[in-house]
Each structure stands twice: as structure tokens, then as C-alpha cells.
Amino acid sequence: MLSRKLGQQLGRPTQSISGWLISKFLKKHNQILEENAVKLCDIQPNETVLELGHGPGLGLQVAVQLLTGPEGKLLGVDYSKYMHNMATERIQEHIASGKVTLYCCDVAAMPLEDSSVDKVFHCNCYYFWPDLKAAASEIHRAMKPGGLMVATLRLDRIARFASKKVFPDENWRPEAYMEALQSCGFADVRMEERTDKFIAFQAIYGTATK
């Protein structure tokens, strides 16, 4: 029961004591993953970039600094209203200027135009999507041909959570997500081992082909 509730809060934090504690956890443990997801995307000044499951806005805060061109645009989606509000407050200046747009919605049903996004990044996110193929298909739909998707995670930590039944099924396994990406039109899908500040993590890549 406790593991199930923890999984629910990790996947969709609510405005509560539990949600507040999860937000603190995310800020502490996701910073390096967020920074590296942005870095590995190789964001260019005039691109349109999307973060999935943006949480409290750590990755958004890093990515927006790279979109310095007049056409540069940052988009973000999160299923949690609490996280949506927290990120909105964190980068409200960029939202007010029109540089950033955030949506509170399901990754599998994003209000984005077809082939409109150059780069997509996310961290500690896909394990909470109930239908990996539906989510991967929606990500592919929104991306431009040749667009790059990068996901970062710490597999050792995720495996420990999985062993405690925090996740309801086997979607936490990188192979499951990579298979979903390949089945929906992503090419060069691979996972690399990376290290930053002596912290080991993994990065999953996929290129949208159309």
C-alpha cells in the first residue's frame, strides 16, 4: 500500500504534504539528470524544445537560457497540476515574455501541432506512463523529421524502486521504452552510460524519422 502511494505521488505529485516532500526529493535528486538531458540535446538558439514531465521546472530553467534566438521556443508538459503551478512560478518571467508555454496534460494527448518540435528531453519520467506506445507515438507525432529525443535516468535507483513495487508493471525497464520508441518511428534508439560529478546515469536517445 505504501509503495503504491509513493508511486502515485512520484508520478503525479499533489498539493499535499506528500507532494511537497516529493518536490523536495525531485529538486535534490533530478538536478544532474535535468542538466545533462538539456546538454545532450545540443539545443540551438532558434529551436523549439519540449520537456516532458517537467516537474518543478529545473530542466526548463536550464533549457530556456540556451534559446536565445528570436524563434527559440520552450514548451513543457506535466500531468500534475501541482508541478505545473510550481514550474509556472519558477519561470514566470519567461512565460510572460512568450518564450515558454507550459501545458498541464497527459503526454499521450498533447495540444501540439504535428512536426513542430526540434528537440525533446525528459528525466525520471517514462516509467509512470501507463501506455508507453501511446506516449511514444504522440512524442513522434509532435517532432520534426530528424528531431532528437533524450531521456536520462539512474537505472540503479529505478531498479531499487521497482523491487519495492513502486511501479505497477515492467514499464520501468529501459528496453520496454526503447522498443516503444522503435515501434513508433524512432531510429538510432540506444542507451549510453554517462557520468557527471562522479554520479553514474544512463541516457536514452531516439531520432524521429518520417
N, C-alpha and C. Protein backbone atom coordinates (compact mmCIF):
# COMPACT_ATOMS: atom_id res chain seq x y z
N MET A 1 0.83 -1.21 0.00
CA MET A 1 0.00 0.00 0.00
C MET A 1 0.86 1.26 0.00
N LEU A 2 1.87 1.30 0.88
CA LEU A 2 2.75 2.46 0.94
C LEU A 2 3.52 2.64 -0.36
N SER A 3 3.99 1.53 -0.95
CA SER A 3 4.73 1.60 -2.21
C SER A 3 3.85 2.14 -3.32
N ARG A 4 2.60 1.70 -3.34
CA ARG A 4 1.67 2.17 -4.37
C ARG A 4 1.42 3.67 -4.24
N LYS A 5 1.24 4.13 -3.00
CA LYS A 5 1.01 5.55 -2.77
C LYS A 5 2.24 6.37 -3.14
N LEU A 6 3.45 5.84 -2.84
CA LEU A 6 4.67 6.54 -3.21
C LEU A 6 4.78 6.66 -4.72
N GLY A 7 4.46 5.58 -5.41
CA GLY A 7 4.49 5.60 -6.87
C GLY A 7 3.53 6.62 -7.45
N GLN A 8 2.34 6.72 -6.84
CA GLN A 8 1.34 7.68 -7.31
C GLN A 8 1.84 9.11 -7.13
N GLN A 9 2.47 9.38 -6.00
CA GLN A 9 2.98 10.73 -5.74
C GLN A 9 4.18 11.06 -6.61
N LEU A 10 5.04 10.09 -6.86
CA LEU A 10 6.20 10.32 -7.73
C LEU A 10 5.74 10.60 -9.16
N GLY A 11 4.72 9.88 -9.60
CA GLY A 11 4.23 10.04 -10.96
C GLY A 11 3.37 11.28 -11.15
N ARG A 12 2.63 11.66 -10.11
CA ARG A 12 1.72 12.80 -10.23
C ARG A 12 1.56 13.46 -8.86
N PRO A 13 2.57 14.24 -8.43
CA PRO A 13 2.51 14.86 -7.10
C PRO A 13 1.28 15.75 -6.95
N THR A 14 0.67 15.70 -5.78
CA THR A 14 -0.48 16.54 -5.49
C THR A 14 -0.10 17.62 -4.49
N GLN A 15 -0.94 18.64 -4.38
CA GLN A 15 -0.67 19.71 -3.42
C GLN A 15 -1.04 19.21 -2.03
N SER A 16 -0.05 18.62 -1.37
CA SER A 16 -0.24 17.98 -0.07
C SER A 16 1.12 17.87 0.59
N ILE A 17 1.15 17.38 1.81
CA ILE A 17 2.42 17.16 2.48
C ILE A 17 3.27 16.17 1.68
N SER A 18 2.65 15.11 1.20
CA SER A 18 3.38 14.12 0.40
C SER A 18 3.92 14.73 -0.89
N GLY A 19 3.08 15.54 -1.56
CA GLY A 19 3.50 16.18 -2.79
C GLY A 19 4.64 17.15 -2.56
N TRP A 20 4.57 17.88 -1.45
CA TRP A 20 5.64 18.82 -1.11
C TRP A 20 6.95 18.09 -0.87
N LEU A 21 6.89 16.96 -0.16
CA LEU A 21 8.09 16.17 0.09
C LEU A 21 8.66 15.62 -1.22
N ILE A 22 7.79 15.20 -2.12
CA ILE A 22 8.24 14.69 -3.42
C ILE A 22 8.92 15.80 -4.21
N SER A 23 8.39 17.02 -4.14
CA SER A 23 9.00 18.14 -4.87
C SER A 23 10.41 18.41 -4.35
N LYS A 24 10.61 18.28 -3.04
CA LYS A 24 11.94 18.46 -2.47
C LYS A 24 12.87 17.34 -2.92
N PHE A 25 12.34 16.14 -2.98
CA PHE A 25 13.11 14.98 -3.45
C PHE A 25 13.54 15.19 -4.90
N LEU A 26 12.63 15.65 -5.74
CA LEU A 26 12.94 15.86 -7.15
C LEU A 26 14.01 16.93 -7.34
N LYS A 27 13.90 18.00 -6.58
CA LYS A 27 14.89 19.08 -6.68
C LYS A 27 16.28 18.59 -6.31
N LYS A 28 16.35 17.72 -5.32
CA LYS A 28 17.64 17.23 -4.85
C LYS A 28 18.24 16.19 -5.79
N HIS A 29 17.42 15.27 -6.27
CA HIS A 29 17.94 14.12 -7.00
C HIS A 29 17.88 14.24 -8.52
N ASN A 30 17.11 15.18 -9.05
CA ASN A 30 16.97 15.26 -10.51
C ASN A 30 17.84 16.33 -11.16
N GLN A 31 18.49 17.17 -10.37
CA GLN A 31 19.23 18.29 -10.95
C GLN A 31 20.24 17.84 -12.00
N ILE A 32 21.08 16.87 -11.66
CA ILE A 32 22.10 16.42 -12.61
C ILE A 32 21.47 15.77 -13.83
N LEU A 33 20.41 15.00 -13.63
CA LEU A 33 19.73 14.38 -14.76
C LEU A 33 19.11 15.43 -15.67
N GLU A 34 18.50 16.44 -15.10
CA GLU A 34 17.89 17.52 -15.89
C GLU A 34 18.96 18.27 -16.69
N GLU A 35 20.03 18.66 -16.02
CA GLU A 35 21.11 19.42 -16.67
C GLU A 35 21.72 18.63 -17.82
N ASN A 36 21.91 17.34 -17.62
CA ASN A 36 22.52 16.53 -18.67
C ASN A 36 21.57 16.22 -19.80
N ALA A 37 20.29 16.08 -19.52
CA ALA A 37 19.32 15.88 -20.59
C ALA A 37 19.33 17.09 -21.53
N VAL A 38 19.39 18.28 -20.94
CA VAL A 38 19.46 19.51 -21.74
C VAL A 38 20.76 19.55 -22.52
N LYS A 39 21.86 19.27 -21.86
CA LYS A 39 23.17 19.32 -22.51
C LYS A 39 23.26 18.35 -23.69
N LEU A 40 22.76 17.14 -23.50
CA LEU A 40 22.86 16.12 -24.54
C LEU A 40 21.95 16.40 -25.74
N CYS A 41 20.96 17.25 -25.55
CA CYS A 41 20.08 17.64 -26.66
C CYS A 41 20.78 18.58 -27.64
N ASP A 42 21.85 19.21 -27.20
CA ASP A 42 22.57 20.17 -28.05
C ASP A 42 21.60 21.22 -28.62
N ILE A 43 20.91 21.88 -27.73
CA ILE A 43 19.90 22.87 -28.11
C ILE A 43 20.51 24.06 -28.83
N GLN A 44 19.89 24.44 -29.95
CA GLN A 44 20.32 25.60 -30.73
C GLN A 44 19.39 26.79 -30.48
N PRO A 45 19.89 28.02 -30.65
CA PRO A 45 19.15 29.22 -30.23
C PRO A 45 17.73 29.37 -30.76
N ASN A 46 17.47 28.92 -32.00
CA ASN A 46 16.15 29.16 -32.59
C ASN A 46 15.28 27.91 -32.68
N GLU A 47 15.61 26.90 -31.91
CA GLU A 47 14.82 25.67 -31.97
C GLU A 47 13.58 25.74 -31.08
N THR A 48 12.66 24.84 -31.35
CA THR A 48 11.51 24.62 -30.48
C THR A 48 11.80 23.36 -29.68
N VAL A 49 11.82 23.49 -28.36
CA VAL A 49 12.23 22.40 -27.47
C VAL A 49 11.10 22.07 -26.50
N LEU A 50 10.92 20.79 -26.24
CA LEU A 50 9.85 20.32 -25.36
C LEU A 50 10.41 19.48 -24.24
N GLU A 51 10.01 19.79 -22.99
CA GLU A 51 10.32 18.90 -21.88
C GLU A 51 9.05 18.18 -21.45
N LEU A 52 9.15 16.88 -21.29
CA LEU A 52 8.05 16.05 -20.84
C LEU A 52 8.19 15.81 -19.34
N GLY A 53 7.08 15.92 -18.60
CA GLY A 53 7.14 15.71 -17.16
C GLY A 53 8.12 16.65 -16.49
N HIS A 54 7.92 17.95 -16.70
CA HIS A 54 8.93 18.94 -16.29
C HIS A 54 9.06 19.10 -14.77
N GLY A 55 8.12 18.56 -13.99
CA GLY A 55 8.24 18.67 -12.54
C GLY A 55 8.31 20.12 -12.08
N PRO A 56 9.15 20.42 -11.08
CA PRO A 56 9.21 21.78 -10.54
C PRO A 56 9.90 22.80 -11.45
N GLY A 57 10.37 22.37 -12.62
CA GLY A 57 10.90 23.32 -13.60
C GLY A 57 12.41 23.45 -13.65
N LEU A 58 13.15 22.50 -13.08
CA LEU A 58 14.61 22.59 -13.07
C LEU A 58 15.19 22.54 -14.48
N GLY A 59 14.72 21.60 -15.29
CA GLY A 59 15.22 21.48 -16.66
C GLY A 59 14.79 22.65 -17.53
N LEU A 60 13.58 23.11 -17.33
CA LEU A 60 13.09 24.26 -18.08
C LEU A 60 13.97 25.47 -17.84
N GLN A 61 14.36 25.64 -16.60
CA GLN A 61 15.18 26.79 -16.20
C GLN A 61 16.54 26.77 -16.91
N VAL A 62 17.08 25.58 -17.12
CA VAL A 62 18.37 25.44 -17.81
C VAL A 62 18.19 25.62 -19.32
N ALA A 63 17.18 24.96 -19.87
CA ALA A 63 16.98 24.97 -21.32
C ALA A 63 16.65 26.35 -21.87
N VAL A 64 15.86 27.13 -21.16
CA VAL A 64 15.44 28.43 -21.68
C VAL A 64 16.63 29.37 -21.87
N GLN A 65 17.68 29.17 -21.12
CA GLN A 65 18.86 30.02 -21.24
C GLN A 65 19.58 29.81 -22.58
N LEU A 66 19.34 28.68 -23.22
CA LEU A 66 20.00 28.37 -24.49
C LEU A 66 19.20 28.83 -25.70
N LEU A 67 17.92 29.13 -25.50
CA LEU A 67 17.05 29.52 -26.61
C LEU A 67 17.06 31.03 -26.77
N THR A 68 18.20 31.54 -27.17
CA THR A 68 18.43 32.98 -27.23
C THR A 68 17.98 33.63 -28.53
N GLY A 69 17.68 32.83 -29.55
CA GLY A 69 17.26 33.39 -30.83
C GLY A 69 15.83 33.86 -30.80
N PRO A 70 15.45 34.73 -31.74
CA PRO A 70 14.07 35.25 -31.78
C PRO A 70 13.02 34.18 -32.02
N GLU A 71 13.41 33.07 -32.65
CA GLU A 71 12.45 31.99 -32.92
C GLU A 71 12.51 30.90 -31.86
N GLY A 72 13.44 30.99 -30.92
CA GLY A 72 13.58 29.98 -29.89
C GLY A 72 12.35 29.89 -29.01
N LYS A 73 11.90 28.66 -28.78
CA LYS A 73 10.66 28.45 -28.02
C LYS A 73 10.80 27.22 -27.13
N LEU A 74 10.36 27.33 -25.89
CA LEU A 74 10.40 26.21 -24.96
C LEU A 74 8.99 25.83 -24.55
N LEU A 75 8.69 24.55 -24.65
CA LEU A 75 7.39 24.01 -24.27
C LEU A 75 7.59 23.00 -23.14
N GLY A 76 6.59 22.86 -22.31
CA GLY A 76 6.67 21.88 -21.24
C GLY A 76 5.31 21.29 -20.95
N VAL A 77 5.27 20.00 -20.62
CA VAL A 77 4.02 19.36 -20.23
C VAL A 77 4.23 18.57 -18.93
N ASP A 78 3.23 18.58 -18.09
CA ASP A 78 3.25 17.77 -16.87
C ASP A 78 1.82 17.44 -16.50
N TYR A 79 1.62 16.22 -16.04
CA TYR A 79 0.29 15.73 -15.70
C TYR A 79 -0.18 16.23 -14.33
N SER A 80 0.79 16.68 -13.52
CA SER A 80 0.48 17.14 -12.17
C SER A 80 0.20 18.64 -12.15
N LYS A 81 -0.98 19.01 -11.69
CA LYS A 81 -1.32 20.43 -11.58
C LYS A 81 -0.39 21.13 -10.59
N TYR A 82 -0.01 20.42 -9.55
CA TYR A 82 0.89 20.97 -8.53
C TYR A 82 2.25 21.30 -9.15
N MET A 83 2.81 20.38 -9.95
CA MET A 83 4.09 20.63 -10.61
C MET A 83 3.97 21.72 -11.67
N HIS A 84 2.84 21.72 -12.36
CA HIS A 84 2.59 22.75 -13.38
C HIS A 84 2.63 24.14 -12.74
N ASN A 85 1.96 24.28 -11.61
CA ASN A 85 1.93 25.57 -10.92
C ASN A 85 3.30 25.95 -10.37
N MET A 86 4.03 24.97 -9.86
CA MET A 86 5.36 25.24 -9.30
C MET A 86 6.32 25.70 -10.39
N ALA A 87 6.29 25.01 -11.54
CA ALA A 87 7.17 25.40 -12.65
C ALA A 87 6.77 26.76 -13.21
N THR A 88 5.47 27.01 -13.28
CA THR A 88 4.99 28.30 -13.78
C THR A 88 5.53 29.43 -12.92
N GLU A 89 5.53 29.24 -11.63
CA GLU A 89 6.05 30.27 -10.73
C GLU A 89 7.56 30.43 -10.89
N ARG A 90 8.27 29.33 -11.11
CA ARG A 90 9.72 29.36 -11.22
C ARG A 90 10.19 30.15 -12.44
N ILE A 91 9.47 30.03 -13.56
CA ILE A 91 9.92 30.68 -14.79
C ILE A 91 8.86 31.65 -15.33
N GLN A 92 8.14 32.28 -14.44
CA GLN A 92 7.04 33.14 -14.84
C GLN A 92 7.48 34.28 -15.76
N GLU A 93 8.70 34.78 -15.57
CA GLU A 93 9.18 35.87 -16.43
C GLU A 93 9.26 35.43 -17.89
N HIS A 94 9.73 34.21 -18.13
CA HIS A 94 9.85 33.70 -19.50
C HIS A 94 8.49 33.36 -20.09
N ILE A 95 7.57 32.94 -19.25
CA ILE A 95 6.21 32.68 -19.72
C ILE A 95 5.54 33.99 -20.13
N ALA A 96 5.74 35.02 -19.33
CA ALA A 96 5.15 36.33 -19.62
C ALA A 96 5.68 36.91 -20.92
N SER A 97 6.94 36.61 -21.24
CA SER A 97 7.54 37.15 -22.47
C SER A 97 7.14 36.36 -23.70
N GLY A 98 6.52 35.19 -23.50
CA GLY A 98 6.11 34.35 -24.62
C GLY A 98 7.15 33.34 -25.05
N LYS A 99 8.28 33.32 -24.37
CA LYS A 99 9.35 32.38 -24.72
C LYS A 99 9.00 30.95 -24.30
N VAL A 100 8.23 30.81 -23.21
CA VAL A 100 7.89 29.49 -22.66
C VAL A 100 6.38 29.33 -22.58
N THR A 101 5.91 28.13 -22.93
CA THR A 101 4.50 27.77 -22.78
C THR A 101 4.42 26.43 -22.08
N LEU A 102 3.66 26.36 -21.00
CA LEU A 102 3.50 25.12 -20.26
C LEU A 102 2.07 24.62 -20.36
N TYR A 103 1.94 23.30 -20.45
CA TYR A 103 0.63 22.66 -20.53
C TYR A 103 0.49 21.63 -19.41
N CYS A 104 -0.66 21.63 -18.76
CA CYS A 104 -0.96 20.60 -17.78
C CYS A 104 -1.80 19.55 -18.50
N CYS A 105 -1.15 18.47 -18.91
CA CYS A 105 -1.84 17.48 -19.74
C CYS A 105 -1.10 16.15 -19.70
N ASP A 106 -1.72 15.16 -20.31
CA ASP A 106 -1.15 13.83 -20.45
C ASP A 106 -0.17 13.83 -21.62
N VAL A 107 0.97 13.18 -21.45
CA VAL A 107 1.95 13.07 -22.53
C VAL A 107 1.34 12.40 -23.76
N ALA A 108 0.38 11.51 -23.55
CA ALA A 108 -0.24 10.80 -24.66
C ALA A 108 -1.30 11.63 -25.38
N ALA A 109 -1.54 12.87 -24.94
CA ALA A 109 -2.54 13.73 -25.58
C ALA A 109 -2.11 15.19 -25.45
N MET A 110 -1.05 15.56 -26.16
CA MET A 110 -0.51 16.92 -26.04
C MET A 110 -1.11 17.85 -27.08
N PRO A 111 -1.45 19.09 -26.70
CA PRO A 111 -2.05 20.05 -27.63
C PRO A 111 -0.99 20.74 -28.49
N LEU A 112 -0.19 19.93 -29.18
CA LEU A 112 0.89 20.47 -30.01
C LEU A 112 0.65 20.12 -31.47
N GLU A 113 1.11 20.99 -32.36
CA GLU A 113 0.96 20.75 -33.79
C GLU A 113 1.87 19.61 -34.24
N ASP A 114 1.46 18.94 -35.31
CA ASP A 114 2.28 17.89 -35.88
C ASP A 114 3.62 18.47 -36.34
N SER A 115 4.68 17.71 -36.16
CA SER A 115 6.02 18.05 -36.67
C SER A 115 6.41 19.49 -36.33
N SER A 116 6.26 19.85 -35.06
CA SER A 116 6.53 21.23 -34.65
C SER A 116 7.70 21.37 -33.68
N VAL A 117 8.25 20.25 -33.21
CA VAL A 117 9.27 20.29 -32.16
C VAL A 117 10.60 19.74 -32.66
N ASP A 118 11.67 20.47 -32.39
CA ASP A 118 13.01 20.05 -32.82
C ASP A 118 13.65 19.06 -31.85
N LYS A 119 13.54 19.34 -30.55
CA LYS A 119 14.20 18.52 -29.54
C LYS A 119 13.22 18.22 -28.41
N VAL A 120 13.32 17.03 -27.85
CA VAL A 120 12.51 16.62 -26.70
C VAL A 120 13.45 16.05 -25.65
N PHE A 121 13.24 16.42 -24.38
CA PHE A 121 14.01 15.80 -23.31
C PHE A 121 13.12 15.53 -22.11
N HIS A 122 13.52 14.55 -21.34
CA HIS A 122 12.82 14.25 -20.08
C HIS A 122 13.72 13.40 -19.20
N CYS A 123 13.45 13.41 -17.89
CA CYS A 123 14.21 12.58 -16.96
C CYS A 123 13.25 11.99 -15.92
N ASN A 124 13.57 10.75 -15.50
CA ASN A 124 12.76 10.08 -14.48
C ASN A 124 11.27 10.23 -14.75
N CYS A 125 10.86 9.80 -15.91
CA CYS A 125 9.50 10.13 -16.35
C CYS A 125 8.73 8.97 -16.97
N TYR A 126 9.33 8.27 -17.94
CA TYR A 126 8.56 7.34 -18.76
C TYR A 126 7.96 6.17 -17.96
N TYR A 127 8.55 5.84 -16.81
CA TYR A 127 8.06 4.69 -16.03
C TYR A 127 6.64 4.89 -15.51
N PHE A 128 6.19 6.13 -15.49
CA PHE A 128 4.85 6.43 -14.96
C PHE A 128 3.79 6.51 -16.07
N TRP A 129 4.21 6.35 -17.32
CA TRP A 129 3.25 6.40 -18.41
C TRP A 129 2.57 5.03 -18.54
N PRO A 130 1.25 4.96 -18.42
CA PRO A 130 0.57 3.67 -18.45
C PRO A 130 0.66 2.95 -19.79
N ASP A 131 0.80 3.71 -20.88
CA ASP A 131 0.88 3.11 -22.21
C ASP A 131 2.09 3.71 -22.93
N LEU A 132 3.21 3.02 -22.90
CA LEU A 132 4.44 3.55 -23.49
C LEU A 132 4.31 3.78 -24.99
N LYS A 133 3.62 2.88 -25.67
CA LYS A 133 3.49 3.04 -27.12
C LYS A 133 2.65 4.26 -27.48
N ALA A 134 1.57 4.49 -26.72
CA ALA A 134 0.73 5.66 -26.99
C ALA A 134 1.51 6.94 -26.75
N ALA A 135 2.31 6.97 -25.69
CA ALA A 135 3.12 8.15 -25.39
C ALA A 135 4.19 8.36 -26.44
N ALA A 136 4.89 7.28 -26.82
CA ALA A 136 5.95 7.38 -27.82
C ALA A 136 5.38 7.84 -29.17
N SER A 137 4.20 7.35 -29.50
CA SER A 137 3.56 7.75 -30.75
C SER A 137 3.23 9.23 -30.76
N GLU A 138 2.76 9.75 -29.62
CA GLU A 138 2.42 11.17 -29.51
C GLU A 138 3.68 12.04 -29.56
N ILE A 139 4.74 11.59 -28.93
CA ILE A 139 6.01 12.32 -28.99
C ILE A 139 6.50 12.38 -30.44
N HIS A 140 6.44 11.24 -31.12
CA HIS A 140 6.87 11.17 -32.52
C HIS A 140 6.03 12.10 -33.40
N ARG A 141 4.73 12.11 -33.17
CA ARG A 141 3.83 12.98 -33.95
C ARG A 141 4.23 14.44 -33.85
N ALA A 142 4.59 14.88 -32.65
CA ALA A 142 4.89 16.30 -32.43
C ALA A 142 6.27 16.71 -32.93
N MET A 143 7.14 15.73 -33.17
CA MET A 143 8.53 16.06 -33.54
C MET A 143 8.72 16.23 -35.03
N LYS A 144 9.64 17.11 -35.37
CA LYS A 144 10.03 17.30 -36.77
C LYS A 144 10.87 16.11 -37.23
N PRO A 145 10.87 15.83 -38.53
CA PRO A 145 11.74 14.76 -39.04
C PRO A 145 13.20 15.05 -38.68
N GLY A 146 13.87 14.07 -38.13
CA GLY A 146 15.26 14.26 -37.74
C GLY A 146 15.43 14.83 -36.35
N GLY A 147 14.32 15.11 -35.65
CA GLY A 147 14.39 15.66 -34.31
C GLY A 147 14.95 14.66 -33.31
N LEU A 148 15.61 15.15 -32.30
CA LEU A 148 16.27 14.30 -31.31
C LEU A 148 15.51 14.27 -30.00
N MET A 149 15.35 13.06 -29.43
CA MET A 149 14.75 12.87 -28.13
C MET A 149 15.81 12.30 -27.19
N VAL A 150 15.92 12.88 -25.99
CA VAL A 150 16.88 12.39 -24.99
C VAL A 150 16.16 12.20 -23.66
N ALA A 151 16.34 11.04 -23.06
CA ALA A 151 15.79 10.75 -21.73
C ALA A 151 16.94 10.33 -20.82
N THR A 152 16.98 10.87 -19.62
CA THR A 152 18.03 10.50 -18.67
C THR A 152 17.41 9.83 -17.44
N LEU A 153 18.16 8.92 -16.85
CA LEU A 153 17.69 8.18 -15.69
C LEU A 153 18.88 7.59 -14.94
N ARG A 154 18.64 7.22 -13.70
CA ARG A 154 19.61 6.46 -12.93
C ARG A 154 19.01 5.08 -12.72
N LEU A 155 19.43 4.16 -13.55
CA LEU A 155 18.80 2.85 -13.60
C LEU A 155 18.93 2.08 -12.29
N ASP A 156 20.05 2.23 -11.60
CA ASP A 156 20.21 1.50 -10.33
C ASP A 156 19.15 1.92 -9.32
N ARG A 157 18.88 3.21 -9.27
CA ARG A 157 17.87 3.72 -8.34
C ARG A 157 16.46 3.29 -8.76
N ILE A 158 16.20 3.34 -10.08
CA ILE A 158 14.88 2.94 -10.58
C ILE A 158 14.64 1.45 -10.31
N ALA A 159 15.67 0.64 -10.47
CA ALA A 159 15.53 -0.79 -10.21
C ALA A 159 15.21 -1.04 -8.74
N ARG A 160 15.80 -0.25 -7.84
CA ARG A 160 15.50 -0.41 -6.42
C ARG A 160 14.04 -0.06 -6.13
N PHE A 161 13.56 1.02 -6.73
CA PHE A 161 12.15 1.38 -6.57
C PHE A 161 11.25 0.25 -7.11
N ALA A 162 11.64 -0.30 -8.25
CA ALA A 162 10.85 -1.36 -8.87
C ALA A 162 10.79 -2.59 -7.98
N SER A 163 11.90 -2.89 -7.31
CA SER A 163 11.94 -4.06 -6.43
C SER A 163 11.00 -3.91 -5.24
N LYS A 164 10.66 -2.66 -4.91
CA LYS A 164 9.74 -2.39 -3.80
C LYS A 164 8.31 -2.20 -4.29
N LYS A 165 8.10 -2.52 -5.59
CA LYS A 165 6.76 -2.47 -6.18
C LYS A 165 6.20 -1.05 -6.25
N VAL A 166 7.10 -0.06 -6.39
CA VAL A 166 6.66 1.33 -6.54
C VAL A 166 6.00 1.52 -7.90
N PHE A 167 6.51 0.81 -8.91
CA PHE A 167 5.92 0.88 -10.25
C PHE A 167 4.97 -0.31 -10.44
N PRO A 168 3.81 -0.08 -11.05
CA PRO A 168 2.80 -1.13 -11.15
C PRO A 168 3.12 -2.24 -12.13
N ASP A 169 4.03 -2.03 -13.08
CA ASP A 169 4.32 -3.05 -14.08
C ASP A 169 5.80 -3.00 -14.46
N GLU A 170 6.10 -3.48 -15.66
CA GLU A 170 7.50 -3.56 -16.11
C GLU A 170 7.92 -2.40 -17.01
N ASN A 171 7.12 -1.34 -17.07
CA ASN A 171 7.46 -0.20 -17.93
C ASN A 171 8.74 0.50 -17.52
N TRP A 172 9.20 0.26 -16.30
CA TRP A 172 10.41 0.94 -15.84
C TRP A 172 11.66 0.45 -16.58
N ARG A 173 11.59 -0.71 -17.17
CA ARG A 173 12.75 -1.26 -17.86
C ARG A 173 13.06 -0.44 -19.12
N PRO A 174 14.31 0.00 -19.29
CA PRO A 174 14.66 0.80 -20.48
C PRO A 174 14.31 0.10 -21.78
N GLU A 175 14.44 -1.24 -21.79
CA GLU A 175 14.14 -1.99 -23.01
C GLU A 175 12.70 -1.79 -23.46
N ALA A 176 11.80 -1.69 -22.49
CA ALA A 176 10.38 -1.51 -22.83
C ALA A 176 10.16 -0.16 -23.51
N TYR A 177 10.79 0.87 -22.98
CA TYR A 177 10.64 2.20 -23.57
C TYR A 177 11.31 2.26 -24.94
N MET A 178 12.48 1.69 -25.06
CA MET A 178 13.20 1.72 -26.32
C MET A 178 12.44 0.96 -27.41
N GLU A 179 11.83 -0.15 -27.04
CA GLU A 179 11.01 -0.89 -28.00
C GLU A 179 9.81 -0.07 -28.46
N ALA A 180 9.20 0.67 -27.52
CA ALA A 180 8.06 1.52 -27.87
C ALA A 180 8.50 2.62 -28.83
N LEU A 181 9.65 3.23 -28.58
CA LEU A 181 10.16 4.27 -29.46
C LEU A 181 10.41 3.73 -30.86
N GLN A 182 11.03 2.58 -30.95
CA GLN A 182 11.33 2.00 -32.26
C GLN A 182 10.05 1.65 -33.02
N SER A 183 9.06 1.15 -32.32
CA SER A 183 7.82 0.75 -32.97
C SER A 183 7.03 1.94 -33.49
N CYS A 184 7.33 3.14 -32.96
CA CYS A 184 6.57 4.34 -33.35
C CYS A 184 7.31 5.23 -34.35
N GLY A 185 8.45 4.78 -34.84
CA GLY A 185 9.12 5.54 -35.89
C GLY A 185 10.41 6.23 -35.49
N PHE A 186 10.95 5.90 -34.33
CA PHE A 186 12.24 6.46 -33.93
C PHE A 186 13.36 5.54 -34.42
N ALA A 187 14.43 6.15 -34.90
CA ALA A 187 15.59 5.41 -35.36
C ALA A 187 16.78 5.70 -34.45
N ASP A 188 17.83 4.91 -34.61
CA ASP A 188 19.04 5.06 -33.81
C ASP A 188 18.72 5.11 -32.32
N VAL A 189 17.79 4.27 -31.89
CA VAL A 189 17.42 4.22 -30.47
C VAL A 189 18.50 3.45 -29.72
N ARG A 190 19.06 4.08 -28.71
CA ARG A 190 20.16 3.45 -27.97
C ARG A 190 20.23 4.01 -26.56
N MET A 191 20.97 3.32 -25.70
CA MET A 191 21.19 3.80 -24.34
C MET A 191 22.69 3.84 -24.08
N GLU A 192 23.15 4.96 -23.53
CA GLU A 192 24.56 5.14 -23.21
C GLU A 192 24.76 5.28 -21.71
N GLU A 193 25.90 4.82 -21.24
CA GLU A 193 26.30 5.03 -19.85
C GLU A 193 27.04 6.36 -19.76
N ARG A 194 26.68 7.19 -18.80
CA ARG A 194 27.30 8.51 -18.65
C ARG A 194 27.67 8.74 -17.19
N THR A 195 28.54 9.71 -16.95
CA THR A 195 28.92 10.08 -15.59
C THR A 195 29.08 11.59 -15.52
N ASP A 196 28.60 12.18 -14.44
CA ASP A 196 28.77 13.61 -14.20
C ASP A 196 28.90 13.83 -12.70
N LYS A 197 29.95 14.54 -12.31
CA LYS A 197 30.20 14.79 -10.89
C LYS A 197 30.22 13.48 -10.09
N PHE A 198 30.84 12.45 -10.69
CA PHE A 198 31.01 11.13 -10.09
C PHE A 198 29.68 10.39 -9.90
N ILE A 199 28.64 10.87 -10.54
CA ILE A 199 27.34 10.19 -10.48
C ILE A 199 27.08 9.51 -11.82
N ALA A 200 26.89 8.20 -11.78
CA ALA A 200 26.61 7.44 -12.99
C ALA A 200 25.13 7.50 -13.33
N PHE A 201 24.85 7.65 -14.61
CA PHE A 201 23.46 7.65 -15.07
C PHE A 201 23.41 7.14 -16.49
N GLN A 202 22.21 6.96 -17.01
CA GLN A 202 22.02 6.48 -18.37
C GLN A 202 21.26 7.53 -19.20
N ALA A 203 21.54 7.52 -20.49
CA ALA A 203 20.83 8.42 -21.42
C ALA A 203 20.29 7.58 -22.57
N ILE A 204 19.00 7.71 -22.83
CA ILE A 204 18.35 7.04 -23.95
C ILE A 204 18.13 8.06 -25.06
N TYR A 205 18.49 7.68 -26.29
CA TYR A 205 18.38 8.59 -27.44
C TYR A 205 17.43 7.97 -28.47
N GLY A 206 16.79 8.84 -29.24
CA GLY A 206 16.00 8.40 -30.37
C GLY A 206 15.85 9.54 -31.37
N THR A 207 15.92 9.24 -32.64
CA THR A 207 15.76 10.24 -33.69
C THR A 207 14.46 10.00 -34.45
N ALA A 208 13.63 11.00 -34.54
CA ALA A 208 12.33 10.86 -35.20
C ALA A 208 12.52 10.78 -36.72
N THR A 209 12.04 9.71 -37.31
CA THR A 209 12.09 9.57 -38.76
C THR A 209 10.67 9.57 -39.31
N LYS A 210 10.48 10.28 -40.43
CA LYS A 210 9.14 10.39 -41.02
C LYS A 210 9.24 10.36 -42.53
